[in-house]
Protein backbone atom coordinates (compact mmCIF):
# COMPACT_ATOMS: atom_id res chain seq x y z
CA MET A 1 -3.07 -23.24 -5.45
CA SER A 2 -0.73 -24.66 -3.12
CA ASP A 3 -1.27 -27.26 -0.29
CA GLN A 4 1.00 -24.71 1.80
CA LYS A 5 -1.23 -23.54 4.78
CA ILE A 6 -1.77 -19.62 4.79
CA GLU A 7 -0.75 -18.03 8.19
CA LEU A 8 -0.75 -14.19 7.13
CA VAL A 9 -2.14 -11.85 4.34
CA VAL A 10 -0.60 -8.53 4.29
CA PHE A 11 -2.76 -5.84 2.57
CA ASP A 12 -1.91 -2.57 1.25
CA MET A 13 -3.84 0.32 2.46
CA ALA A 14 -5.07 3.01 -0.25
CA GLY A 15 -6.55 1.59 -3.53
CA THR A 16 -6.45 -1.91 -1.77
CA THR A 17 -8.60 -1.89 1.40
CA VAL A 18 -9.08 1.72 1.78
CA ASP A 19 -11.05 3.81 -0.91
CA GLU A 20 -9.85 7.48 -0.74
CA ASN A 21 -10.24 8.47 -4.27
CA ASN A 22 -6.62 8.85 -4.88
CA VAL A 23 -6.56 11.90 -2.67
CA VAL A 24 -2.97 10.92 -1.91
CA TYR A 25 -1.72 11.12 -5.32
CA LYS A 26 -3.80 13.99 -6.03
CA THR A 27 -2.11 15.74 -3.14
CA LEU A 28 1.25 14.64 -4.19
CA ARG A 29 0.56 16.04 -7.57
CA LYS A 30 -0.20 19.22 -5.99
CA ALA A 31 2.90 19.46 -3.84
CA ILE A 32 5.15 18.91 -7.04
CA HIS A 33 3.03 21.24 -9.05
CA ASN A 34 3.72 23.90 -6.31
CA THR A 35 7.66 23.48 -7.08
CA GLY A 36 7.02 24.28 -10.70
CA TYR A 37 6.80 20.81 -12.24
CA ASP A 38 3.39 19.60 -13.66
CA PHE A 39 2.67 16.06 -14.04
CA SER A 40 -0.70 14.41 -14.76
CA LEU A 41 -2.45 12.20 -12.19
CA GLU A 42 -1.68 9.05 -14.20
CA PHE A 43 2.14 9.88 -14.28
CA VAL A 44 2.35 10.37 -10.55
CA LEU A 45 0.34 6.96 -10.18
CA GLU A 46 2.64 5.16 -12.65
CA HIS A 47 5.85 6.31 -11.02
CA GLY A 48 4.92 6.78 -7.36
CA ALA A 49 2.24 4.59 -6.40
CA GLY A 50 2.97 2.24 -3.22
CA LYS A 51 6.19 3.99 -2.40
CA GLU A 52 7.11 5.90 0.48
CA LYS A 53 5.91 9.43 -0.33
CA LYS A 54 9.38 11.34 -0.16
CA GLN A 55 10.87 8.30 -2.33
CA ALA A 56 7.81 9.00 -4.65
CA ILE A 57 8.56 12.63 -5.21
CA ILE A 58 12.13 11.71 -5.63
CA ASP A 59 11.36 9.24 -8.50
CA ILE A 60 8.68 11.39 -9.94
CA LEU A 61 10.90 14.35 -10.48
CA ALA A 62 13.84 12.04 -11.75
CA LYS A 63 11.73 11.14 -14.66
CA ALA A 64 11.82 14.88 -15.68
CA GLU A 65 15.61 14.56 -14.99
CA VAL A 66 15.31 16.71 -11.87
CA TYR A 67 17.60 15.67 -9.30
CA ASP A 68 17.32 18.30 -6.68
CA THR A 69 17.15 16.85 -3.02
CA ASN A 70 16.07 20.10 -1.53
CA LEU A 71 13.38 20.73 -3.95
CA ALA A 72 12.22 16.99 -3.18
CA GLU A 73 12.22 17.90 0.50
CA LYS A 74 10.07 21.19 0.07
CA ALA A 75 7.69 19.35 -1.94
CA PHE A 76 7.33 16.55 0.80
CA GLU A 77 6.94 19.00 3.54
CA ASP A 78 4.36 20.73 1.67
CA PHE A 79 2.47 17.31 0.76
CA LYS A 80 2.24 16.55 4.35
CA GLU A 81 0.59 19.62 5.47
CA LEU A 82 -1.73 19.57 2.24
CA LEU A 83 -2.48 16.12 3.08
CA LYS A 84 -3.44 16.78 6.65
CA SER A 85 -5.85 19.53 5.30
CA ALA A 86 -7.37 16.87 2.88
CA TYR A 87 -7.97 14.13 5.15
CA GLU A 88 -9.49 16.39 7.67
CA ASP A 89 -12.67 16.59 5.58
CA LEU A 90 -12.29 13.35 3.71
CA ASN A 91 -15.07 10.85 3.84
CA LEU A 92 -13.36 7.29 3.82
CA SER A 93 -14.57 4.05 3.03
CA THR A 94 -13.39 0.58 2.73
CA TYR A 95 -13.82 -1.06 -0.91
CA LYS A 96 -17.03 -3.52 -0.72
CA GLY A 97 -16.46 -6.68 1.20
CA THR A 98 -13.05 -5.93 3.08
CA LYS A 99 -14.30 -6.10 6.38
CA GLU A 100 -16.47 -9.29 5.76
CA LEU A 101 -13.19 -10.72 4.21
CA PHE A 102 -11.04 -9.84 7.22
CA ILE A 103 -13.68 -11.58 9.40
CA TYR A 104 -13.44 -14.48 7.32
CA LEU A 105 -9.63 -15.01 7.15
CA LYS A 106 -9.41 -14.51 11.00
CA ASN A 107 -12.07 -17.21 11.47
CA LYS A 108 -10.09 -19.38 9.26
CA GLY A 109 -6.87 -18.78 11.62
CA ILE A 110 -5.36 -16.33 9.12
CA LYS A 111 -3.75 -13.23 10.30
CA VAL A 112 -4.53 -9.93 8.79
CA ALA A 113 -1.91 -7.21 8.54
CA LEU A 114 -1.75 -3.83 6.82
CA ASN A 115 1.31 -2.16 5.21
CA THR A 116 1.62 1.20 3.79
CA GLY A 117 4.22 3.60 1.93
CA TYR A 118 2.63 6.24 4.33
CA ASP A 119 4.25 7.45 7.41
CA SER A 120 2.89 6.28 10.89
CA LYS A 121 1.04 9.28 11.41
CA THR A 122 -0.73 9.29 8.26
CA ALA A 123 -1.72 5.69 8.28
CA ASN A 124 -2.93 5.76 12.02
CA LEU A 125 -5.19 8.77 10.99
CA LEU A 126 -6.86 6.64 8.30
CA ILE A 127 -7.29 3.68 10.63
CA ASP A 128 -8.81 6.07 13.36
CA LYS A 129 -11.28 7.27 10.96
CA LEU A 130 -12.21 3.97 9.69
CA GLY A 131 -12.84 2.89 12.99
CA TRP A 132 -10.38 -0.01 12.77
CA GLU A 133 -8.68 -1.25 15.97
CA PRO A 134 -5.24 -2.97 15.47
CA GLY A 135 -5.56 -6.01 17.49
CA LYS A 136 -8.90 -6.44 16.87
CA ASP A 137 -10.14 -5.52 13.33
CA ILE A 138 -6.67 -6.41 12.03
CA ASP A 139 -3.69 -7.94 13.97
CA LEU A 140 -0.91 -5.36 12.89
CA LEU A 141 -0.26 -2.17 11.21
CA VAL A 142 3.15 -1.46 9.77
CA THR A 143 4.03 1.74 7.77
CA ALA A 144 7.14 3.01 5.78
CA SER A 145 8.33 5.10 8.78
CA ASP A 146 8.70 1.96 10.87
CA VAL A 147 11.40 0.29 8.72
CA GLU A 148 14.70 1.38 7.07
CA ASN A 149 13.99 0.50 3.71
CA GLY A 150 10.49 1.20 1.97
CA ARG A 151 9.05 -0.77 -1.13
CA PRO A 152 9.90 -2.59 -3.14
CA ASN A 153 12.36 -3.95 -0.22
CA ALA A 154 10.69 -6.65 2.01
CA ASP A 155 11.35 -4.94 5.17
CA MET A 156 7.88 -4.37 6.17
CA ILE A 157 6.56 -7.65 5.42
CA THR A 158 9.44 -9.19 7.42
CA LEU A 159 8.74 -7.03 10.41
CA ILE A 160 5.33 -8.07 10.29
CA MET A 161 6.29 -11.60 10.29
CA ASP A 162 8.59 -11.16 13.12
CA LYS A 163 6.01 -9.38 15.45
CA LEU A 164 3.38 -11.82 14.28
CA LYS A 165 5.63 -14.81 14.94
CA VAL A 166 5.09 -16.21 11.23
CA SER A 167 8.48 -17.90 10.43
CA ASN A 168 7.82 -19.18 6.89
CA SER A 169 7.39 -16.86 4.18
CA GLN A 170 5.82 -19.42 2.16
CA SER A 171 2.83 -19.06 4.47
CA VAL A 172 2.42 -15.35 3.55
CA VAL A 173 0.27 -13.80 0.99
CA LYS A 174 0.68 -10.14 -0.14
CA VAL A 175 -2.05 -8.21 -1.85
CA GLY A 176 -1.80 -4.62 -3.38
CA ASP A 177 -2.98 -2.30 -5.96
CA SER A 178 0.52 -1.16 -7.47
CA ILE A 179 3.49 -2.93 -9.05
CA ILE A 180 5.81 -2.00 -6.30
CA ASP A 181 3.32 -3.95 -3.68
CA ILE A 182 3.83 -7.12 -6.18
CA GLU A 183 7.59 -6.71 -6.15
CA GLU A 184 7.79 -6.34 -2.45
CA GLY A 185 5.62 -9.47 -1.98
CA LYS A 186 8.22 -11.36 -4.48
CA ASN A 187 11.31 -9.73 -2.54
CA ALA A 188 9.67 -11.14 0.64
CA ASN A 189 9.50 -14.45 -0.93
CA CYS A 190 5.65 -14.91 -0.36
CA ILE A 191 3.78 -17.78 -1.73
CA TYR A 192 1.51 -15.33 -3.57
CA SER A 193 1.81 -11.72 -4.47
CA ILE A 194 -1.49 -10.61 -5.88
CA GLY A 195 -2.56 -7.49 -7.62
CA VAL A 196 -5.89 -5.82 -7.28
CA THR A 197 -7.35 -3.42 -9.99
CA THR A 198 -9.18 -1.10 -7.62
CA GLY A 199 -6.35 1.44 -7.12
CA ALA A 200 -3.31 2.98 -8.66
CA HIS A 201 -2.43 0.60 -11.69
CA THR A 202 -4.40 -1.35 -14.41
CA ARG A 203 -4.52 -4.83 -14.88
CA ASP A 204 -2.10 -4.06 -17.88
CA GLN A 205 0.23 -2.35 -15.71
CA LEU A 206 0.17 -4.91 -12.75
CA GLN A 207 0.83 -7.67 -15.27
CA LYS A 208 4.48 -6.26 -15.91
CA ALA A 209 5.16 -7.24 -12.26
CA SER A 210 4.25 -10.83 -12.99
CA PRO A 211 2.03 -11.37 -10.27
CA ASP A 212 0.79 -14.86 -9.39
CA TYR A 213 -2.99 -13.71 -9.41
CA ILE A 214 -4.79 -10.40 -10.57
CA ILE A 215 -8.17 -9.62 -8.99
CA ASP A 216 -11.07 -7.03 -9.38
CA SER A 217 -12.06 -7.07 -6.02
CA LEU A 218 -10.95 -8.55 -2.32
CA PRO A 219 -13.75 -10.94 -2.00
CA GLU A 220 -12.04 -12.99 -4.95
CA LEU A 221 -9.22 -13.93 -2.41
CA LYS A 222 -11.16 -16.46 -0.74
CA ALA A 223 -11.29 -18.65 -3.96
CA ILE A 224 -7.64 -18.47 -4.34
CA LEU A 225 -6.82 -19.07 -0.68
């Protein structure tokens, strides 16, 4: 615990605030499988979670020593079409206590932002399905397609800070369900980079990134902040 005043909490989306039953990574796995390479869902989550999705495909294929940019591009285009279909019929929900936590933080004068490895179109589809309104339920949404460099680079958090006029990264907390979320928070010099076990990576996997805290549900943040 620090005496530094927290001004902003940046949350990842899928697996952290949004429960979509890993449909994104199941779809990513399917798109890669359609190119002739079959990986387990666990493998896809381990090597692709939290990343911009084209980069995730490139990195997953690289683990099989496949370095074919055309193949990766084909899989990415297929992924976007498959995901669009999957989301049309998907019943989304937030993890228990998420909306109440957002209200709690905002009542404390702490800004709430979302960032994601999704592109803007996909992320906004999720936001619309949940009925969240940027500027009301959350202060800001920033996606991988809004910046030059995706996670683990700090670009998304830096952009959020700029847009929300938060100047000191030591007043910012990052929360996510993957190793790369924690690395992003550390690269942005956030006061806390916190892992949550509801999504892509297990507690043991998250621990490899040396987070400041690991929690099992978002409401546990109240005791930390």
